[in-house]
Amino acid sequence: MIQRLIPHPLLSIMLTLVWLGLVNKITLGNLLLGLLLGLAVPMVTAPYWPNRPTLRRPLVAVKYILIVLWDIIVANVQVAIMILFKPRDAFRSRWITVPLELTSPEAITVLAGTITMTPGTVSAMLSADGRAILVHCLHTDDPEGDRDQIKRRYEGPLKEIFE
């Protein structure tokens, strides 16, 4: 009964918190509306999640989130310094192909989102067979090193979390 009422408890909590963050004011009305959205959206979309992913290692997921947040902060500073103080002809933009060991669509989506959220890199395309992702780097002197860093820093933990 509870599974039908709250099919995705973490999503319900997240939607409620996101709603409260969007309205930027915690009142009883906003909390109730957030809870209503947090319960209604997962109930309506539950049929579209027949094989929902499970987090195998939640502590690794928390560590992954902290690593990504740190990388976003560092990359913001690096990109700002590059844009403000480097001449445009000093940029070495490159396309790199990152071969994937991930097979879960959810894990690949999180990886692509992580790459895109980190300033200076954009995930541009997933290969037709889902075994490689094309990434554009704003500036890199070592494309192979950047590829290896993406695999080590992001893909490795995502394999632990999702697969």
N, C-alpha and C. Protein backbone atom coordinates (compact mmCIF):
# COMPACT_ATOMS: atom_id res chain seq x y z
N MET A 1 0.83 -1.20 0.00
CA MET A 1 0.00 0.00 0.00
C MET A 1 0.87 1.26 0.00
N ILE A 2 1.87 1.28 0.87
CA ILE A 2 2.73 2.47 0.95
C ILE A 2 3.55 2.60 -0.33
N GLN A 3 3.95 1.47 -0.92
CA GLN A 3 4.72 1.49 -2.17
C GLN A 3 3.91 2.15 -3.29
N ARG A 4 2.60 1.94 -3.31
CA ARG A 4 1.76 2.57 -4.33
C ARG A 4 1.55 4.05 -4.03
N LEU A 5 1.48 4.39 -2.76
CA LEU A 5 1.25 5.78 -2.36
C LEU A 5 2.52 6.62 -2.53
N ILE A 6 3.65 6.04 -2.17
CA ILE A 6 4.94 6.73 -2.30
C ILE A 6 5.88 5.80 -3.07
N PRO A 7 5.76 5.78 -4.41
CA PRO A 7 6.57 4.83 -5.18
C PRO A 7 8.06 5.13 -5.19
N HIS A 8 8.42 6.40 -5.05
CA HIS A 8 9.83 6.81 -5.07
C HIS A 8 10.08 7.77 -3.91
N PRO A 9 10.32 7.26 -2.71
CA PRO A 9 10.44 8.12 -1.53
C PRO A 9 11.55 9.17 -1.64
N LEU A 10 12.71 8.78 -2.17
CA LEU A 10 13.80 9.76 -2.28
C LEU A 10 13.45 10.87 -3.27
N LEU A 11 12.79 10.51 -4.36
CA LEU A 11 12.35 11.51 -5.33
C LEU A 11 11.33 12.45 -4.69
N SER A 12 10.43 11.92 -3.88
CA SER A 12 9.43 12.75 -3.20
C SER A 12 10.11 13.76 -2.28
N ILE A 13 11.08 13.30 -1.52
CA ILE A 13 11.81 14.20 -0.63
C ILE A 13 12.57 15.25 -1.42
N MET A 14 13.22 14.81 -2.49
CA MET A 14 13.99 15.74 -3.32
C MET A 14 13.09 16.79 -3.96
N LEU A 15 11.94 16.38 -4.49
CA LEU A 15 11.03 17.33 -5.11
C LEU A 15 10.52 18.35 -4.09
N THR A 16 10.23 17.89 -2.88
CA THR A 16 9.79 18.81 -1.83
C THR A 16 10.88 19.82 -1.50
N LEU A 17 12.11 19.35 -1.36
CA LEU A 17 13.22 20.25 -1.05
C LEU A 17 13.51 21.22 -2.19
N VAL A 18 13.43 20.72 -3.42
CA VAL A 18 13.65 21.60 -4.57
C VAL A 18 12.55 22.67 -4.63
N TRP A 19 11.31 22.27 -4.36
CA TRP A 19 10.23 23.26 -4.36
C TRP A 19 10.49 24.33 -3.31
N LEU A 20 10.87 23.93 -2.11
CA LEU A 20 11.15 24.91 -1.05
C LEU A 20 12.32 25.81 -1.44
N GLY A 21 13.31 25.25 -2.14
CA GLY A 21 14.42 26.07 -2.60
C GLY A 21 14.01 27.05 -3.68
N LEU A 22 13.10 26.63 -4.54
CA LEU A 22 12.64 27.51 -5.63
C LEU A 22 11.81 28.68 -5.11
N VAL A 23 10.93 28.41 -4.16
CA VAL A 23 10.10 29.50 -3.64
C VAL A 23 10.87 30.37 -2.66
N ASN A 24 11.97 29.83 -2.13
CA ASN A 24 12.89 30.60 -1.29
C ASN A 24 12.25 31.16 -0.03
N LYS A 25 11.19 30.50 0.44
CA LYS A 25 10.54 30.92 1.67
C LYS A 25 9.82 29.71 2.26
N ILE A 26 10.17 29.37 3.48
CA ILE A 26 9.56 28.20 4.10
C ILE A 26 8.37 28.66 4.92
N THR A 27 7.19 28.36 4.40
CA THR A 27 5.95 28.61 5.12
C THR A 27 5.16 27.31 5.13
N LEU A 28 4.12 27.25 5.92
CA LEU A 28 3.31 26.04 5.99
C LEU A 28 2.68 25.75 4.62
N GLY A 29 2.20 26.78 3.94
CA GLY A 29 1.59 26.60 2.62
C GLY A 29 2.59 26.08 1.60
N ASN A 30 3.80 26.66 1.60
CA ASN A 30 4.83 26.19 0.67
C ASN A 30 5.24 24.76 0.98
N LEU A 31 5.35 24.43 2.25
CA LEU A 31 5.71 23.07 2.64
C LEU A 31 4.63 22.08 2.20
N LEU A 32 3.36 22.43 2.42
CA LEU A 32 2.28 21.54 2.02
C LEU A 32 2.22 21.38 0.50
N LEU A 33 2.41 22.48 -0.24
CA LEU A 33 2.41 22.39 -1.69
C LEU A 33 3.61 21.55 -2.17
N GLY A 34 4.77 21.73 -1.54
CA GLY A 34 5.94 20.92 -1.88
C GLY A 34 5.69 19.44 -1.62
N LEU A 35 5.07 19.13 -0.49
CA LEU A 35 4.75 17.74 -0.18
C LEU A 35 3.74 17.18 -1.19
N LEU A 36 2.76 18.00 -1.56
CA LEU A 36 1.78 17.56 -2.55
C LEU A 36 2.46 17.25 -3.88
N LEU A 37 3.34 18.14 -4.32
CA LEU A 37 4.09 17.88 -5.55
C LEU A 37 4.99 16.67 -5.40
N GLY A 38 5.64 16.56 -4.24
CA GLY A 38 6.54 15.45 -3.99
C GLY A 38 5.84 14.10 -3.98
N LEU A 39 4.55 14.09 -3.65
CA LEU A 39 3.78 12.84 -3.69
C LEU A 39 3.11 12.62 -5.04
N ALA A 40 2.60 13.69 -5.65
CA ALA A 40 1.84 13.55 -6.89
C ALA A 40 2.73 13.21 -8.10
N VAL A 41 3.85 13.88 -8.25
CA VAL A 41 4.70 13.66 -9.42
C VAL A 41 5.20 12.21 -9.49
N PRO A 42 5.74 11.64 -8.41
CA PRO A 42 6.16 10.24 -8.50
C PRO A 42 5.01 9.27 -8.75
N MET A 43 3.82 9.57 -8.19
CA MET A 43 2.68 8.67 -8.43
C MET A 43 2.26 8.69 -9.90
N VAL A 44 2.26 9.88 -10.50
CA VAL A 44 1.86 9.99 -11.90
C VAL A 44 2.90 9.38 -12.83
N THR A 45 4.19 9.53 -12.48
CA THR A 45 5.25 9.04 -13.37
C THR A 45 5.71 7.61 -13.06
N ALA A 46 5.18 6.98 -12.02
CA ALA A 46 5.60 5.63 -11.63
C ALA A 46 5.52 4.60 -12.76
N PRO A 47 4.48 4.64 -13.61
CA PRO A 47 4.44 3.64 -14.70
C PRO A 47 5.59 3.76 -15.70
N TYR A 48 6.22 4.92 -15.74
CA TYR A 48 7.33 5.12 -16.68
C TYR A 48 8.68 4.68 -16.09
N TRP A 49 8.67 4.18 -14.87
CA TRP A 49 9.89 3.72 -14.18
C TRP A 49 9.75 2.24 -13.84
N PRO A 50 9.56 1.35 -14.81
CA PRO A 50 9.34 -0.05 -14.45
C PRO A 50 10.56 -0.71 -13.81
N ASN A 51 11.74 -0.36 -14.25
CA ASN A 51 12.97 -0.95 -13.70
C ASN A 51 13.83 0.14 -13.09
N ARG A 52 13.32 0.76 -12.04
CA ARG A 52 14.06 1.89 -11.49
C ARG A 52 15.39 1.43 -10.91
N PRO A 53 16.39 2.28 -11.07
CA PRO A 53 17.73 1.90 -10.59
C PRO A 53 17.79 1.94 -9.07
N THR A 54 18.66 1.12 -8.53
CA THR A 54 18.89 1.16 -7.09
C THR A 54 20.33 1.58 -6.85
N LEU A 55 20.51 2.34 -5.79
CA LEU A 55 21.87 2.74 -5.41
C LEU A 55 22.49 1.60 -4.63
N ARG A 56 23.52 1.04 -5.18
CA ARG A 56 24.18 -0.10 -4.54
C ARG A 56 25.01 0.34 -3.34
N ARG A 57 25.64 1.50 -3.45
CA ARG A 57 26.53 1.97 -2.39
C ARG A 57 26.22 3.45 -2.10
N PRO A 58 25.28 3.74 -1.21
CA PRO A 58 24.88 5.12 -0.97
C PRO A 58 26.01 6.01 -0.43
N LEU A 59 26.91 5.45 0.35
CA LEU A 59 28.02 6.27 0.87
C LEU A 59 28.97 6.68 -0.25
N VAL A 60 29.16 5.80 -1.22
CA VAL A 60 29.98 6.15 -2.39
C VAL A 60 29.27 7.25 -3.18
N ALA A 61 27.93 7.21 -3.22
CA ALA A 61 27.17 8.26 -3.92
C ALA A 61 27.37 9.61 -3.24
N VAL A 62 27.37 9.64 -1.93
CA VAL A 62 27.60 10.89 -1.20
C VAL A 62 29.02 11.40 -1.48
N LYS A 63 29.98 10.50 -1.45
CA LYS A 63 31.37 10.88 -1.76
C LYS A 63 31.48 11.41 -3.19
N TYR A 64 30.78 10.76 -4.12
CA TYR A 64 30.79 11.19 -5.52
C TYR A 64 30.23 12.61 -5.64
N ILE A 65 29.13 12.88 -4.97
CA ILE A 65 28.52 14.21 -5.02
C ILE A 65 29.49 15.26 -4.48
N LEU A 66 30.18 14.96 -3.40
CA LEU A 66 31.14 15.91 -2.83
C LEU A 66 32.32 16.14 -3.79
N ILE A 67 32.78 15.09 -4.43
CA ILE A 67 33.87 15.22 -5.41
C ILE A 67 33.42 16.10 -6.58
N VAL A 68 32.22 15.87 -7.09
CA VAL A 68 31.71 16.65 -8.22
C VAL A 68 31.55 18.12 -7.81
N LEU A 69 31.01 18.38 -6.63
CA LEU A 69 30.87 19.76 -6.17
C LEU A 69 32.23 20.45 -6.07
N TRP A 70 33.20 19.74 -5.53
CA TRP A 70 34.56 20.31 -5.43
C TRP A 70 35.13 20.58 -6.82
N ASP A 71 34.96 19.63 -7.74
CA ASP A 71 35.48 19.81 -9.09
C ASP A 71 34.80 20.98 -9.80
N ILE A 72 33.52 21.19 -9.55
CA ILE A 72 32.81 22.32 -10.16
C ILE A 72 33.38 23.63 -9.64
N ILE A 73 33.64 23.72 -8.35
CA ILE A 73 34.21 24.95 -7.77
C ILE A 73 35.59 25.22 -8.35
N VAL A 74 36.44 24.20 -8.36
CA VAL A 74 37.80 24.36 -8.87
C VAL A 74 37.78 24.74 -10.36
N ALA A 75 36.94 24.06 -11.14
CA ALA A 75 36.88 24.33 -12.57
C ALA A 75 36.34 25.74 -12.85
N ASN A 76 35.40 26.21 -12.03
CA ASN A 76 34.91 27.58 -12.19
C ASN A 76 36.04 28.59 -12.05
N VAL A 77 36.87 28.40 -11.04
CA VAL A 77 38.01 29.30 -10.82
C VAL A 77 39.00 29.20 -11.99
N GLN A 78 39.31 27.99 -12.40
CA GLN A 78 40.26 27.80 -13.50
C GLN A 78 39.76 28.43 -14.80
N VAL A 79 38.49 28.23 -15.12
CA VAL A 79 37.95 28.80 -16.35
C VAL A 79 37.89 30.32 -16.26
N ALA A 80 37.53 30.85 -15.11
CA ALA A 80 37.49 32.31 -14.95
C ALA A 80 38.88 32.91 -15.14
N ILE A 81 39.89 32.29 -14.57
CA ILE A 81 41.27 32.78 -14.74
C ILE A 81 41.68 32.70 -16.21
N MET A 82 41.35 31.59 -16.87
CA MET A 82 41.70 31.45 -18.28
C MET A 82 41.03 32.54 -19.12
N ILE A 83 39.75 32.75 -18.90
CA ILE A 83 39.01 33.71 -19.72
C ILE A 83 39.51 35.13 -19.46
N LEU A 84 39.81 35.44 -18.21
CA LEU A 84 40.19 36.80 -17.87
C LEU A 84 41.64 37.13 -18.22
N PHE A 85 42.53 36.15 -18.12
CA PHE A 85 43.95 36.47 -18.21
C PHE A 85 44.72 35.81 -19.36
N LYS A 86 44.12 34.88 -20.07
CA LYS A 86 44.84 34.22 -21.16
C LYS A 86 44.38 34.78 -22.49
N PRO A 87 45.29 34.95 -23.42
CA PRO A 87 44.86 35.35 -24.77
C PRO A 87 44.11 34.19 -25.43
N ARG A 88 43.18 34.53 -26.29
CA ARG A 88 42.35 33.51 -26.93
C ARG A 88 43.15 32.49 -27.74
N ASP A 89 44.25 32.90 -28.31
CA ASP A 89 45.03 31.95 -29.11
C ASP A 89 45.81 30.96 -28.25
N ALA A 90 45.81 31.16 -26.92
CA ALA A 90 46.50 30.22 -26.02
C ALA A 90 45.61 29.03 -25.66
N PHE A 91 44.32 29.10 -25.97
CA PHE A 91 43.41 28.00 -25.65
C PHE A 91 43.69 26.82 -26.57
N ARG A 92 43.68 25.63 -26.01
CA ARG A 92 43.88 24.41 -26.80
C ARG A 92 42.64 23.53 -26.64
N SER A 93 41.60 23.88 -27.38
CA SER A 93 40.37 23.09 -27.32
C SER A 93 40.58 21.76 -28.02
N ARG A 94 40.01 20.72 -27.46
CA ARG A 94 40.16 19.38 -28.03
C ARG A 94 38.86 18.59 -27.85
N TRP A 95 38.61 17.71 -28.80
CA TRP A 95 37.58 16.70 -28.65
C TRP A 95 38.26 15.43 -28.19
N ILE A 96 37.72 14.82 -27.14
CA ILE A 96 38.29 13.55 -26.69
C ILE A 96 37.17 12.51 -26.63
N THR A 97 37.53 11.30 -26.93
CA THR A 97 36.58 10.19 -26.84
C THR A 97 36.89 9.41 -25.57
N VAL A 98 35.87 9.27 -24.73
CA VAL A 98 36.03 8.53 -23.48
C VAL A 98 35.32 7.19 -23.64
N PRO A 99 36.08 6.08 -23.72
CA PRO A 99 35.43 4.76 -23.79
C PRO A 99 34.74 4.45 -22.46
N LEU A 100 33.57 3.86 -22.54
CA LEU A 100 32.78 3.61 -21.34
C LEU A 100 32.75 2.13 -20.97
N GLU A 101 32.87 1.90 -19.69
CA GLU A 101 32.64 0.56 -19.15
C GLU A 101 31.25 0.48 -18.53
N LEU A 102 30.61 1.63 -18.34
CA LEU A 102 29.27 1.67 -17.77
C LEU A 102 28.27 1.09 -18.76
N THR A 103 27.28 0.38 -18.25
CA THR A 103 26.23 -0.16 -19.12
C THR A 103 24.86 0.37 -18.73
N SER A 104 24.70 0.82 -17.52
CA SER A 104 23.41 1.32 -17.05
C SER A 104 23.11 2.68 -17.68
N PRO A 105 21.93 2.84 -18.29
CA PRO A 105 21.60 4.14 -18.88
C PRO A 105 21.59 5.27 -17.86
N GLU A 106 21.18 4.96 -16.63
CA GLU A 106 21.16 5.98 -15.58
C GLU A 106 22.58 6.42 -15.24
N ALA A 107 23.50 5.48 -15.14
CA ALA A 107 24.89 5.81 -14.82
C ALA A 107 25.52 6.62 -15.94
N ILE A 108 25.25 6.26 -17.19
CA ILE A 108 25.79 7.02 -18.32
C ILE A 108 25.22 8.44 -18.33
N THR A 109 23.94 8.57 -17.99
CA THR A 109 23.32 9.89 -17.93
C THR A 109 23.96 10.74 -16.85
N VAL A 110 24.20 10.15 -15.69
CA VAL A 110 24.84 10.90 -14.60
C VAL A 110 26.26 11.31 -15.01
N LEU A 111 26.98 10.42 -15.66
CA LEU A 111 28.33 10.74 -16.12
C LEU A 111 28.30 11.90 -17.12
N ALA A 112 27.41 11.83 -18.11
CA ALA A 112 27.31 12.90 -19.11
C ALA A 112 26.92 14.22 -18.44
N GLY A 113 26.01 14.17 -17.49
CA GLY A 113 25.61 15.38 -16.77
C GLY A 113 26.75 15.95 -15.94
N THR A 114 27.51 15.07 -15.31
CA THR A 114 28.64 15.51 -14.50
C THR A 114 29.68 16.21 -15.37
N ILE A 115 29.98 15.63 -16.52
CA ILE A 115 30.96 16.22 -17.43
C ILE A 115 30.49 17.60 -17.88
N THR A 116 29.21 17.71 -18.21
CA THR A 116 28.67 18.98 -18.70
C THR A 116 28.58 20.02 -17.59
N MET A 117 28.27 19.60 -16.36
CA MET A 117 28.17 20.56 -15.25
C MET A 117 29.52 21.13 -14.84
N THR A 118 30.58 20.41 -15.13
CA THR A 118 31.91 20.88 -14.77
C THR A 118 32.38 21.88 -15.81
N PRO A 119 32.59 23.14 -15.43
CA PRO A 119 33.00 24.16 -16.41
C PRO A 119 34.27 23.75 -17.15
N GLY A 120 34.27 24.01 -18.45
CA GLY A 120 35.42 23.69 -19.28
C GLY A 120 35.26 22.41 -20.05
N THR A 121 34.24 21.60 -19.73
CA THR A 121 34.00 20.37 -20.46
C THR A 121 32.52 20.25 -20.79
N VAL A 122 32.24 19.63 -21.93
CA VAL A 122 30.86 19.39 -22.34
C VAL A 122 30.78 18.00 -22.95
N SER A 123 29.83 17.21 -22.49
CA SER A 123 29.60 15.92 -23.16
C SER A 123 28.72 16.21 -24.36
N ALA A 124 29.20 15.83 -25.54
CA ALA A 124 28.53 16.23 -26.77
C ALA A 124 27.68 15.12 -27.38
N MET A 125 28.17 13.88 -27.30
CA MET A 125 27.46 12.81 -28.00
C MET A 125 27.83 11.45 -27.40
N LEU A 126 26.85 10.59 -27.37
CA LEU A 126 27.07 9.21 -26.97
C LEU A 126 27.08 8.37 -28.23
N SER A 127 28.03 7.45 -28.33
CA SER A 127 28.10 6.61 -29.52
C SER A 127 26.83 5.77 -29.64
N ALA A 128 26.54 5.31 -30.83
CA ALA A 128 25.31 4.56 -31.09
C ALA A 128 25.24 3.28 -30.25
N ASP A 129 26.38 2.66 -30.00
CA ASP A 129 26.38 1.44 -29.20
C ASP A 129 26.49 1.72 -27.70
N GLY A 130 26.61 2.99 -27.30
CA GLY A 130 26.68 3.35 -25.89
C GLY A 130 27.99 3.02 -25.22
N ARG A 131 29.03 2.83 -25.99
CA ARG A 131 30.32 2.42 -25.40
C ARG A 131 31.35 3.53 -25.36
N ALA A 132 30.99 4.72 -25.82
CA ALA A 132 31.93 5.84 -25.78
C ALA A 132 31.14 7.14 -25.76
N ILE A 133 31.73 8.14 -25.14
CA ILE A 133 31.12 9.46 -25.08
C ILE A 133 32.12 10.47 -25.62
N LEU A 134 31.64 11.39 -26.43
CA LEU A 134 32.49 12.42 -27.01
C LEU A 134 32.42 13.65 -26.11
N VAL A 135 33.59 14.13 -25.69
CA VAL A 135 33.68 15.24 -24.75
C VAL A 135 34.51 16.35 -25.38
N HIS A 136 34.03 17.58 -25.24
CA HIS A 136 34.80 18.74 -25.70
C HIS A 136 35.43 19.40 -24.48
N CYS A 137 36.74 19.59 -24.54
CA CYS A 137 37.48 20.27 -23.47
C CYS A 137 37.85 21.67 -23.95
N LEU A 138 37.57 22.66 -23.14
CA LEU A 138 37.89 24.04 -23.49
C LEU A 138 39.39 24.24 -23.65
N HIS A 139 40.16 23.62 -22.75
CA HIS A 139 41.61 23.73 -22.81
C HIS A 139 42.22 22.46 -22.22
N THR A 140 43.08 21.83 -22.99
CA THR A 140 43.80 20.68 -22.48
C THR A 140 45.14 20.54 -23.19
N ASP A 141 46.16 20.26 -22.40
CA ASP A 141 47.48 19.95 -22.95
C ASP A 141 47.68 18.45 -23.05
N ASP A 142 46.84 17.69 -22.33
CA ASP A 142 46.99 16.24 -22.25
C ASP A 142 45.61 15.57 -22.40
N PRO A 143 45.14 15.38 -23.63
CA PRO A 143 43.81 14.78 -23.82
C PRO A 143 43.69 13.37 -23.21
N GLU A 144 44.75 12.59 -23.32
CA GLU A 144 44.70 11.23 -22.74
C GLU A 144 44.60 11.29 -21.22
N GLY A 145 45.33 12.24 -20.62
CA GLY A 145 45.26 12.41 -19.17
C GLY A 145 43.88 12.85 -18.71
N ASP A 146 43.25 13.75 -19.48
CA ASP A 146 41.89 14.18 -19.14
C ASP A 146 40.91 13.02 -19.28
N ARG A 147 41.08 12.21 -20.32
CA ARG A 147 40.23 11.04 -20.51
C ARG A 147 40.39 10.08 -19.32
N ASP A 148 41.63 9.84 -18.92
CA ASP A 148 41.88 8.93 -17.80
C ASP A 148 41.33 9.50 -16.50
N GLN A 149 41.41 10.81 -16.34
CA GLN A 149 40.89 11.44 -15.12
C GLN A 149 39.36 11.30 -15.06
N ILE A 150 38.67 11.47 -16.19
CA ILE A 150 37.22 11.30 -16.22
C ILE A 150 36.87 9.86 -15.85
N LYS A 151 37.60 8.91 -16.40
CA LYS A 151 37.32 7.51 -16.10
C LYS A 151 37.58 7.18 -14.63
N ARG A 152 38.70 7.68 -14.09
CA ARG A 152 39.06 7.38 -12.72
C ARG A 152 38.18 8.12 -11.72
N ARG A 153 37.99 9.40 -11.95
CA ARG A 153 37.32 10.26 -10.97
C ARG A 153 35.81 10.12 -11.00
N TYR A 154 35.23 9.88 -12.18
CA TYR A 154 33.77 9.84 -12.29
C TYR A 154 33.23 8.45 -12.64
N GLU A 155 33.79 7.82 -13.66
CA GLU A 155 33.22 6.55 -14.09
C GLU A 155 33.43 5.45 -13.05
N GLY A 156 34.59 5.42 -12.42
CA GLY A 156 34.86 4.40 -11.41
C GLY A 156 33.83 4.40 -10.28
N PRO A 157 33.61 5.54 -9.62
CA PRO A 157 32.60 5.56 -8.57
C PRO A 157 31.18 5.26 -9.09
N LEU A 158 30.85 5.72 -10.30
CA LEU A 158 29.53 5.44 -10.83
C LEU A 158 29.31 3.95 -11.06
N LYS A 159 30.37 3.23 -11.42
CA LYS A 159 30.26 1.76 -11.55
C LYS A 159 29.92 1.15 -10.20
N GLU A 160 30.55 1.66 -9.14
CA GLU A 160 30.26 1.14 -7.80
C GLU A 160 28.82 1.48 -7.37
N ILE A 161 28.36 2.66 -7.73
CA ILE A 161 27.04 3.12 -7.28
C ILE A 161 25.92 2.39 -8.01
N PHE A 162 26.03 2.25 -9.32
CA PHE A 162 24.92 1.77 -10.13
C PHE A 162 25.03 0.31 -10.56
N GLU A 163 26.23 -0.23 -10.67
CA GLU A 163 26.34 -1.56 -11.28
C GLU A 163 26.90 -2.59 -10.34
